[in-house]
Amino acid sequence: MQYAIFDLDNTILDFDRAEAASLTAVFQNHGVPNIPQAEDDYQAYNETIWRQIEQGGPRDALLDQRFEVFLATLGITVDGPSVQQEYDQLLAHSYQVIPGARDLLHTLKDAGMTLLVGTNGIKHTQLSRLAGAHMTPLF
């Protein structure tokens, strides 16, 4: 049996577009001024969060507080876990597929390969994105 393993984000599904749309919506919902600048600043801050997670930091706690801490730098007070949940819901319903990915997966599946997908993303979010893109049966 032959296997092909794919990373989900930015290989199968366009995480960058999904993240940008979800961030824009969250920032609009919470009255963030100058959203393009806020998105750039958030990306830099978020990289530090993911580095901490990759170094063994408490994933759930860091994710639950990232929006609260970041938005506080803009003078906006929010409940971190609630905004994280809002972001997760928006992201879970973002199904942008990388061009050509669907055709490649069908070609490999039709050739008898077993397809596997991996991710370091949040499980329920990623499963929702795969389902929404109608790709779950391929894996």
N, C-alpha and C. Protein backbone atom coordinates (compact mmCIF):
# COMPACT_ATOMS: atom_id res chain seq x y z
N MET A 1 0.85 -1.18 0.00
CA MET A 1 0.00 0.00 0.00
C MET A 1 0.89 1.24 0.00
N GLN A 2 0.51 2.22 -0.81
CA GLN A 2 1.28 3.47 -0.88
C GLN A 2 0.50 4.58 -0.18
N TYR A 3 1.24 5.45 0.48
CA TYR A 3 0.65 6.55 1.23
C TYR A 3 1.20 7.88 0.72
N ALA A 4 0.36 8.89 0.82
CA ALA A 4 0.79 10.27 0.58
C ALA A 4 0.29 11.09 1.77
N ILE A 5 1.21 11.80 2.40
CA ILE A 5 0.88 12.60 3.58
C ILE A 5 0.99 14.07 3.20
N PHE A 6 -0.06 14.82 3.56
CA PHE A 6 -0.11 16.24 3.26
C PHE A 6 -0.32 17.05 4.53
N ASP A 7 0.30 18.20 4.58
CA ASP A 7 -0.02 19.19 5.61
C ASP A 7 -1.29 19.89 5.13
N LEU A 8 -2.22 20.14 6.02
CA LEU A 8 -3.49 20.74 5.62
C LEU A 8 -3.33 22.21 5.22
N ASP A 9 -2.70 22.98 6.10
CA ASP A 9 -2.65 24.43 5.89
C ASP A 9 -1.61 24.83 4.86
N ASN A 10 -2.08 25.58 3.88
CA ASN A 10 -1.28 26.13 2.79
C ASN A 10 -0.68 25.06 1.89
N THR A 11 -1.23 23.85 1.98
CA THR A 11 -0.92 22.79 1.03
C THR A 11 -2.22 22.33 0.38
N ILE A 12 -3.22 22.06 1.22
CA ILE A 12 -4.54 21.65 0.75
C ILE A 12 -5.52 22.83 0.84
N LEU A 13 -5.60 23.41 2.03
CA LEU A 13 -6.48 24.56 2.25
C LEU A 13 -5.64 25.82 2.45
N ASP A 14 -6.13 26.93 1.92
CA ASP A 14 -5.41 28.20 1.97
C ASP A 14 -5.62 28.86 3.34
N PHE A 15 -4.74 28.53 4.28
CA PHE A 15 -4.86 29.06 5.63
C PHE A 15 -4.66 30.57 5.65
N ASP A 16 -3.75 31.08 4.85
CA ASP A 16 -3.46 32.51 4.88
C ASP A 16 -4.71 33.33 4.54
N ARG A 17 -5.44 32.93 3.51
CA ARG A 17 -6.67 33.64 3.15
C ARG A 17 -7.74 33.47 4.22
N ALA A 18 -7.86 32.26 4.76
CA ALA A 18 -8.85 32.01 5.81
C ALA A 18 -8.54 32.82 7.06
N GLU A 19 -7.27 32.84 7.44
CA GLU A 19 -6.86 33.60 8.62
C GLU A 19 -7.12 35.10 8.42
N ALA A 20 -6.76 35.62 7.25
CA ALA A 20 -6.94 37.05 6.99
C ALA A 20 -8.43 37.43 7.07
N ALA A 21 -9.28 36.64 6.46
CA ALA A 21 -10.72 36.93 6.49
C ALA A 21 -11.26 36.84 7.91
N SER A 22 -10.82 35.85 8.67
CA SER A 22 -11.29 35.67 10.05
C SER A 22 -10.80 36.79 10.94
N LEU A 23 -9.54 37.19 10.79
CA LEU A 23 -9.01 38.30 11.59
C LEU A 23 -9.72 39.59 11.28
N THR A 24 -9.94 39.86 10.00
CA THR A 24 -10.65 41.08 9.62
C THR A 24 -12.02 41.12 10.28
N ALA A 25 -12.73 40.02 10.25
CA ALA A 25 -14.07 39.98 10.86
C ALA A 25 -13.99 40.20 12.37
N VAL A 26 -13.05 39.55 13.05
CA VAL A 26 -12.90 39.72 14.49
C VAL A 26 -12.58 41.18 14.81
N PHE A 27 -11.65 41.75 14.08
CA PHE A 27 -11.25 43.12 14.35
C PHE A 27 -12.39 44.10 14.06
N GLN A 28 -13.15 43.87 13.00
CA GLN A 28 -14.32 44.71 12.72
C GLN A 28 -15.34 44.59 13.85
N ASN A 29 -15.58 43.36 14.30
CA ASN A 29 -16.57 43.13 15.35
C ASN A 29 -16.21 43.81 16.67
N HIS A 30 -14.93 44.09 16.87
CA HIS A 30 -14.49 44.66 18.14
C HIS A 30 -13.97 46.08 18.00
N GLY A 31 -14.29 46.72 16.88
CA GLY A 31 -14.01 48.14 16.72
C GLY A 31 -12.54 48.51 16.60
N VAL A 32 -11.76 47.64 16.02
CA VAL A 32 -10.33 47.92 15.84
C VAL A 32 -10.17 48.98 14.74
N PRO A 33 -9.49 50.08 15.07
CA PRO A 33 -9.20 51.06 14.03
C PRO A 33 -8.00 50.61 13.21
N ASN A 34 -7.88 51.05 12.01
CA ASN A 34 -6.74 50.74 11.15
C ASN A 34 -6.47 49.23 11.12
N ILE A 35 -7.43 48.51 10.59
CA ILE A 35 -7.35 47.05 10.56
C ILE A 35 -6.12 46.52 9.82
N PRO A 36 -5.72 47.08 8.69
CA PRO A 36 -4.51 46.55 8.04
C PRO A 36 -3.27 46.62 8.95
N GLN A 37 -3.10 47.71 9.66
CA GLN A 37 -1.95 47.82 10.58
C GLN A 37 -2.10 46.84 11.74
N ALA A 38 -3.32 46.72 12.25
CA ALA A 38 -3.57 45.80 13.36
C ALA A 38 -3.28 44.36 12.94
N GLU A 39 -3.64 44.00 11.71
CA GLU A 39 -3.36 42.65 11.24
C GLU A 39 -1.87 42.39 11.16
N ASP A 40 -1.10 43.36 10.68
CA ASP A 40 0.36 43.20 10.64
C ASP A 40 0.93 43.04 12.05
N ASP A 41 0.49 43.90 12.96
CA ASP A 41 0.98 43.83 14.34
C ASP A 41 0.57 42.52 15.01
N TYR A 42 -0.65 42.09 14.73
CA TYR A 42 -1.13 40.82 15.29
C TYR A 42 -0.28 39.66 14.80
N GLN A 43 0.05 39.65 13.52
CA GLN A 43 0.85 38.55 12.96
C GLN A 43 2.19 38.43 13.70
N ALA A 44 2.83 39.56 13.96
CA ALA A 44 4.11 39.53 14.69
C ALA A 44 3.90 38.99 16.10
N TYR A 45 2.86 39.45 16.76
CA TYR A 45 2.55 38.98 18.11
C TYR A 45 2.20 37.49 18.10
N ASN A 46 1.39 37.08 17.16
CA ASN A 46 0.95 35.69 17.08
C ASN A 46 2.12 34.73 16.85
N GLU A 47 3.13 35.19 16.11
CA GLU A 47 4.32 34.35 15.92
C GLU A 47 4.98 34.04 17.25
N THR A 48 5.01 35.02 18.16
CA THR A 48 5.61 34.77 19.48
C THR A 48 4.78 33.76 20.26
N ILE A 49 3.46 33.82 20.11
CA ILE A 49 2.58 32.85 20.78
C ILE A 49 2.88 31.44 20.28
N TRP A 50 2.96 31.27 18.97
CA TRP A 50 3.19 29.94 18.41
C TRP A 50 4.59 29.43 18.74
N ARG A 51 5.58 30.33 18.85
CA ARG A 51 6.92 29.89 19.27
C ARG A 51 6.86 29.35 20.70
N GLN A 52 6.11 30.03 21.56
CA GLN A 52 5.96 29.55 22.94
C GLN A 52 5.28 28.17 22.96
N ILE A 53 4.25 28.01 22.14
CA ILE A 53 3.55 26.72 22.07
C ILE A 53 4.51 25.63 21.59
N GLU A 54 5.28 25.93 20.54
CA GLU A 54 6.21 24.95 19.99
C GLU A 54 7.31 24.59 20.99
N GLN A 55 7.59 25.49 21.93
CA GLN A 55 8.59 25.22 22.96
C GLN A 55 7.98 24.61 24.21
N GLY A 56 6.73 24.16 24.11
CA GLY A 56 6.10 23.45 25.21
C GLY A 56 5.21 24.30 26.10
N GLY A 57 4.95 25.54 25.70
CA GLY A 57 4.07 26.41 26.48
C GLY A 57 2.64 25.87 26.47
N PRO A 58 1.82 26.32 27.42
CA PRO A 58 0.44 25.83 27.54
C PRO A 58 -0.43 26.34 26.38
N ARG A 59 -0.63 25.48 25.40
CA ARG A 59 -1.32 25.85 24.16
C ARG A 59 -2.67 26.51 24.39
N ASP A 60 -3.56 25.84 25.11
CA ASP A 60 -4.92 26.37 25.29
C ASP A 60 -4.90 27.72 25.99
N ALA A 61 -4.11 27.84 27.03
CA ALA A 61 -4.04 29.10 27.78
C ALA A 61 -3.49 30.23 26.90
N LEU A 62 -2.45 29.94 26.14
CA LEU A 62 -1.87 30.96 25.28
C LEU A 62 -2.85 31.40 24.19
N LEU A 63 -3.54 30.44 23.59
CA LEU A 63 -4.51 30.78 22.55
C LEU A 63 -5.70 31.53 23.14
N ASP A 64 -6.16 31.11 24.31
CA ASP A 64 -7.32 31.77 24.93
C ASP A 64 -7.03 33.21 25.32
N GLN A 65 -5.78 33.56 25.51
CA GLN A 65 -5.45 34.92 25.94
C GLN A 65 -4.87 35.80 24.83
N ARG A 66 -4.57 35.23 23.67
CA ARG A 66 -3.86 36.03 22.67
C ARG A 66 -4.64 37.24 22.19
N PHE A 67 -5.93 37.11 21.97
CA PHE A 67 -6.70 38.28 21.52
C PHE A 67 -6.89 39.29 22.64
N GLU A 68 -7.09 38.79 23.85
CA GLU A 68 -7.25 39.70 24.99
C GLU A 68 -5.99 40.55 25.17
N VAL A 69 -4.84 39.91 25.13
CA VAL A 69 -3.57 40.63 25.31
C VAL A 69 -3.31 41.56 24.12
N PHE A 70 -3.50 41.06 22.91
CA PHE A 70 -3.22 41.89 21.74
C PHE A 70 -4.17 43.09 21.67
N LEU A 71 -5.46 42.85 21.81
CA LEU A 71 -6.41 43.95 21.71
C LEU A 71 -6.23 44.97 22.82
N ALA A 72 -5.74 44.54 23.97
CA ALA A 72 -5.45 45.48 25.06
C ALA A 72 -4.39 46.50 24.65
N THR A 73 -3.47 46.09 23.77
CA THR A 73 -2.44 47.04 23.30
C THR A 73 -3.06 48.14 22.45
N LEU A 74 -4.28 47.89 21.96
CA LEU A 74 -5.01 48.89 21.16
C LEU A 74 -6.05 49.61 22.00
N GLY A 75 -6.05 49.33 23.30
CA GLY A 75 -7.01 49.97 24.20
C GLY A 75 -8.39 49.35 24.16
N ILE A 76 -8.49 48.12 23.68
CA ILE A 76 -9.78 47.43 23.57
C ILE A 76 -9.79 46.27 24.56
N THR A 77 -10.80 46.26 25.43
CA THR A 77 -10.94 45.21 26.43
C THR A 77 -11.93 44.16 25.95
N VAL A 78 -11.49 42.91 25.94
CA VAL A 78 -12.35 41.80 25.53
C VAL A 78 -12.11 40.62 26.45
N ASP A 79 -13.03 39.67 26.40
CA ASP A 79 -12.85 38.39 27.07
C ASP A 79 -12.08 37.48 26.11
N GLY A 80 -10.85 37.14 26.47
CA GLY A 80 -9.97 36.38 25.58
C GLY A 80 -10.55 35.08 25.07
N PRO A 81 -11.03 34.21 25.97
CA PRO A 81 -11.58 32.94 25.48
C PRO A 81 -12.78 33.13 24.53
N SER A 82 -13.61 34.14 24.78
CA SER A 82 -14.77 34.37 23.91
C SER A 82 -14.33 34.81 22.52
N VAL A 83 -13.35 35.69 22.46
CA VAL A 83 -12.87 36.15 21.15
C VAL A 83 -12.12 35.02 20.44
N GLN A 84 -11.39 34.21 21.18
CA GLN A 84 -10.73 33.05 20.57
C GLN A 84 -11.78 32.11 19.97
N GLN A 85 -12.87 31.89 20.69
CA GLN A 85 -13.95 31.04 20.19
C GLN A 85 -14.59 31.66 18.94
N GLU A 86 -14.79 32.96 18.95
CA GLU A 86 -15.33 33.66 17.78
C GLU A 86 -14.41 33.46 16.58
N TYR A 87 -13.12 33.65 16.79
CA TYR A 87 -12.13 33.48 15.73
C TYR A 87 -12.14 32.03 15.22
N ASP A 88 -12.15 31.07 16.16
CA ASP A 88 -12.18 29.66 15.77
C ASP A 88 -13.39 29.34 14.90
N GLN A 89 -14.55 29.88 15.27
CA GLN A 89 -15.77 29.63 14.50
C GLN A 89 -15.66 30.22 13.09
N LEU A 90 -15.13 31.42 12.99
CA LEU A 90 -14.94 32.03 11.66
C LEU A 90 -13.96 31.21 10.83
N LEU A 91 -12.86 30.82 11.44
CA LEU A 91 -11.85 30.04 10.74
C LEU A 91 -12.38 28.67 10.33
N ALA A 92 -13.19 28.07 11.20
CA ALA A 92 -13.75 26.75 10.91
C ALA A 92 -14.68 26.76 9.71
N HIS A 93 -15.16 27.93 9.33
CA HIS A 93 -16.06 28.04 8.19
C HIS A 93 -15.38 28.71 6.99
N SER A 94 -14.06 28.61 6.95
CA SER A 94 -13.28 29.14 5.83
C SER A 94 -12.69 27.96 5.07
N TYR A 95 -13.16 27.78 3.86
CA TYR A 95 -12.85 26.56 3.12
C TYR A 95 -12.07 26.81 1.82
N GLN A 96 -11.27 27.84 1.77
CA GLN A 96 -10.57 28.14 0.53
C GLN A 96 -9.55 27.05 0.23
N VAL A 97 -9.67 26.46 -0.95
CA VAL A 97 -8.81 25.36 -1.37
C VAL A 97 -7.68 25.92 -2.23
N ILE A 98 -6.47 25.41 -2.00
CA ILE A 98 -5.33 25.79 -2.83
C ILE A 98 -5.61 25.33 -4.26
N PRO A 99 -5.41 26.21 -5.24
CA PRO A 99 -5.66 25.80 -6.63
C PRO A 99 -4.88 24.53 -7.00
N GLY A 100 -5.58 23.58 -7.60
CA GLY A 100 -4.98 22.33 -8.05
C GLY A 100 -4.96 21.23 -7.01
N ALA A 101 -5.19 21.58 -5.74
CA ALA A 101 -5.10 20.57 -4.67
C ALA A 101 -6.17 19.50 -4.82
N ARG A 102 -7.38 19.91 -5.08
CA ARG A 102 -8.48 18.93 -5.20
C ARG A 102 -8.21 17.94 -6.33
N ASP A 103 -7.77 18.45 -7.48
CA ASP A 103 -7.48 17.56 -8.62
C ASP A 103 -6.35 16.59 -8.29
N LEU A 104 -5.31 17.08 -7.63
CA LEU A 104 -4.20 16.22 -7.25
C LEU A 104 -4.66 15.12 -6.31
N LEU A 105 -5.45 15.48 -5.30
CA LEU A 105 -5.92 14.49 -4.34
C LEU A 105 -6.79 13.43 -5.01
N HIS A 106 -7.67 13.85 -5.91
CA HIS A 106 -8.51 12.88 -6.62
C HIS A 106 -7.67 11.97 -7.51
N THR A 107 -6.67 12.52 -8.16
CA THR A 107 -5.80 11.72 -9.02
C THR A 107 -5.07 10.65 -8.20
N LEU A 108 -4.54 11.06 -7.05
CA LEU A 108 -3.83 10.10 -6.19
C LEU A 108 -4.77 9.06 -5.62
N LYS A 109 -5.93 9.49 -5.19
CA LYS A 109 -6.92 8.56 -4.63
C LYS A 109 -7.36 7.55 -5.69
N ASP A 110 -7.63 8.05 -6.90
CA ASP A 110 -8.04 7.18 -8.00
C ASP A 110 -6.95 6.19 -8.38
N ALA A 111 -5.69 6.55 -8.12
CA ALA A 111 -4.56 5.65 -8.41
C ALA A 111 -4.35 4.63 -7.30
N GLY A 112 -5.21 4.66 -6.28
CA GLY A 112 -5.15 3.67 -5.22
C GLY A 112 -4.31 4.05 -4.01
N MET A 113 -3.87 5.29 -3.94
CA MET A 113 -3.06 5.71 -2.79
C MET A 113 -3.95 6.00 -1.59
N THR A 114 -3.41 5.76 -0.42
CA THR A 114 -4.06 6.14 0.83
C THR A 114 -3.56 7.52 1.19
N LEU A 115 -4.47 8.47 1.34
CA LEU A 115 -4.11 9.86 1.62
C LEU A 115 -4.27 10.15 3.10
N LEU A 116 -3.27 10.80 3.67
CA LEU A 116 -3.29 11.20 5.06
C LEU A 116 -3.06 12.71 5.14
N VAL A 117 -3.66 13.34 6.13
CA VAL A 117 -3.47 14.77 6.30
C VAL A 117 -3.05 15.03 7.74
N GLY A 118 -2.12 15.95 7.90
CA GLY A 118 -1.65 16.33 9.23
C GLY A 118 -1.79 17.82 9.42
N THR A 119 -1.85 18.22 10.69
CA THR A 119 -1.97 19.63 11.00
C THR A 119 -1.55 19.88 12.44
N ASN A 120 -1.07 21.07 12.70
CA ASN A 120 -0.82 21.47 14.09
C ASN A 120 -1.93 22.42 14.55
N GLY A 121 -2.96 22.55 13.72
CA GLY A 121 -4.08 23.41 14.06
C GLY A 121 -5.02 22.76 15.05
N ILE A 122 -6.03 23.50 15.43
CA ILE A 122 -7.02 23.04 16.39
C ILE A 122 -7.90 22.00 15.71
N LYS A 123 -8.01 20.83 16.34
CA LYS A 123 -8.65 19.68 15.71
C LYS A 123 -10.04 19.97 15.17
N HIS A 124 -10.95 20.48 16.01
CA HIS A 124 -12.33 20.69 15.54
C HIS A 124 -12.40 21.73 14.43
N THR A 125 -11.52 22.72 14.48
CA THR A 125 -11.49 23.74 13.42
C THR A 125 -11.05 23.10 12.10
N GLN A 126 -9.99 22.31 12.16
CA GLN A 126 -9.45 21.72 10.94
C GLN A 126 -10.41 20.68 10.35
N LEU A 127 -11.05 19.90 11.20
CA LEU A 127 -12.02 18.92 10.70
C LEU A 127 -13.21 19.62 10.04
N SER A 128 -13.63 20.74 10.62
CA SER A 128 -14.72 21.51 10.03
C SER A 128 -14.32 22.08 8.67
N ARG A 129 -13.10 22.56 8.57
CA ARG A 129 -12.62 23.11 7.30
C ARG A 129 -12.55 22.03 6.23
N LEU A 130 -12.05 20.85 6.59
CA LEU A 130 -12.00 19.74 5.62
C LEU A 130 -13.40 19.35 5.16
N ALA A 131 -14.31 19.26 6.10
CA ALA A 131 -15.70 18.90 5.77
C ALA A 131 -16.33 19.96 4.88
N GLY A 132 -16.14 21.22 5.23
CA GLY A 132 -16.72 22.31 4.46
C GLY A 132 -16.18 22.38 3.04
N ALA A 133 -14.94 21.94 2.86
CA ALA A 133 -14.33 21.90 1.53
C ALA A 133 -14.70 20.60 0.80
N HIS A 134 -15.50 19.76 1.43
CA HIS A 134 -15.92 18.47 0.86
C HIS A 134 -14.74 17.58 0.53
N MET A 135 -13.75 17.55 1.43
CA MET A 135 -12.56 16.75 1.21
C MET A 135 -12.40 15.62 2.22
N THR A 136 -13.23 15.57 3.23
CA THR A 136 -13.08 14.54 4.25
C THR A 136 -13.04 13.13 3.66
N PRO A 137 -13.88 12.78 2.67
CA PRO A 137 -13.85 11.41 2.14
C PRO A 137 -12.52 11.04 1.45
N LEU A 138 -11.72 12.02 1.12
CA LEU A 138 -10.46 11.72 0.44
C LEU A 138 -9.40 11.18 1.39
N PHE A 139 -9.56 11.46 2.68
CA PHE A 139 -8.54 11.09 3.67
C PHE A 139 -9.01 9.96 4.55
